[in-house]
Every structure is written in C-alpha cells, then in structure tokens.
Amino acid sequence: MDALGVNLSGLVTQVVSFLILFIALWLLLYKPISKAMKERSSRIQEGLEAADKAREEAATARGEMEGQMATARAEGQEMIAQAREVADRFRDEELTKARAEIKAERERAEADIQRERDAAIEGIRKEFAALAVDAAEKIVERSLDGPAHKDLIDKVLQDSGALNKGG
C-alpha cells in the first residue's frame, strides 16, 4: 500500500476520525435536525388537516346557510302570497260592501222618490178636488151640503183616477 501512497496507520486514523466525527455529527446534528424536521412535518400535517377540517366545516356551514336562505325565501314568498290573498279578500269584501251600500242607497232614493211622487199626486188630487168643488159650486151656484160634497169629490177622484190610469 505504500506503493500506492497510502499509509495504513494514517488510513486507520482517518477512518476512526471519520467515524468519530460521523457519530458526533449524527448525535449532535442529525438527530436534533431530523427531530425538528419531524415536528415541523407533523405541525404542517396538523395544519393541513385543520385547514381541510375548516374547509369542510365552511362548506357545511355554507350549505346550511344556503338551506336557511332558501327556507327564508320560501317563507317570504309564502308570506307575500298570504298578504296578497288577504288584500284580495279585503278588496273583495270592501267592493261587496260598497255595492251593497250603493244598492241600499238606490233603494232608499227610489222609496223617497216614490213617497214624494205619491205625496205630490195626493196633493194634486186634493187641489183638483177643491177646484172641482169650486167649479161645481159655481156651476150649481149654491153650496153643497156635506154628504153631497163628499159624493161629488169621490166621483171626481174616481173620474180623475180613470183618466190617470188610462193616460
């Protein structure tokens, strides 16, 4: 080996030195660094798992929120439909009441007109009877007694009633 330029005692010394250095580095550097790397790797893994869990929870919460929003929308639409239905019913009831009031007012007005018409006709009949009596007195030139007076009025009223019905 001397011919190759390798000294056996120097080689053994270097191998022993290398092994001591290797063991010292192994114990002092590699183990703490690998331990720190494993801890860091496990923290990263835990962080990734927590992020995945948070993502799943967020997706679940989003789904629940969308479900609640859909439920709220449906309830809102139902409330709007109910409000429209109530408004339609109220409008129909008010329209029915207004029509009934108009009809009642029309009937009252017709009854009032009929009463006034009857009163006017009765007034005209009385006036006509008075005129007829006056005319009869002038024609006869005397004053009629009570029963004759009543008979004459009844006859004139019957004649005027026949004229009114016929005309």
Foldseek 3Di string as FASTA:
>chain_A
DVVVVDDPVVVVVVVVVVVVVVVCCCVPPVVVVVVVVVVVVVVVVVVVVVVVVVVVVVVVVVVVVVVVVVVVVVVVVVVVVVVVVVVVVVVVVVVVVVVVVVVVVVVVVVVVVVVVVVVVVVVVLVVVLVVQQVVVCVVVVHHDDDVVSVVSSVVVSVVVVVVVVVD
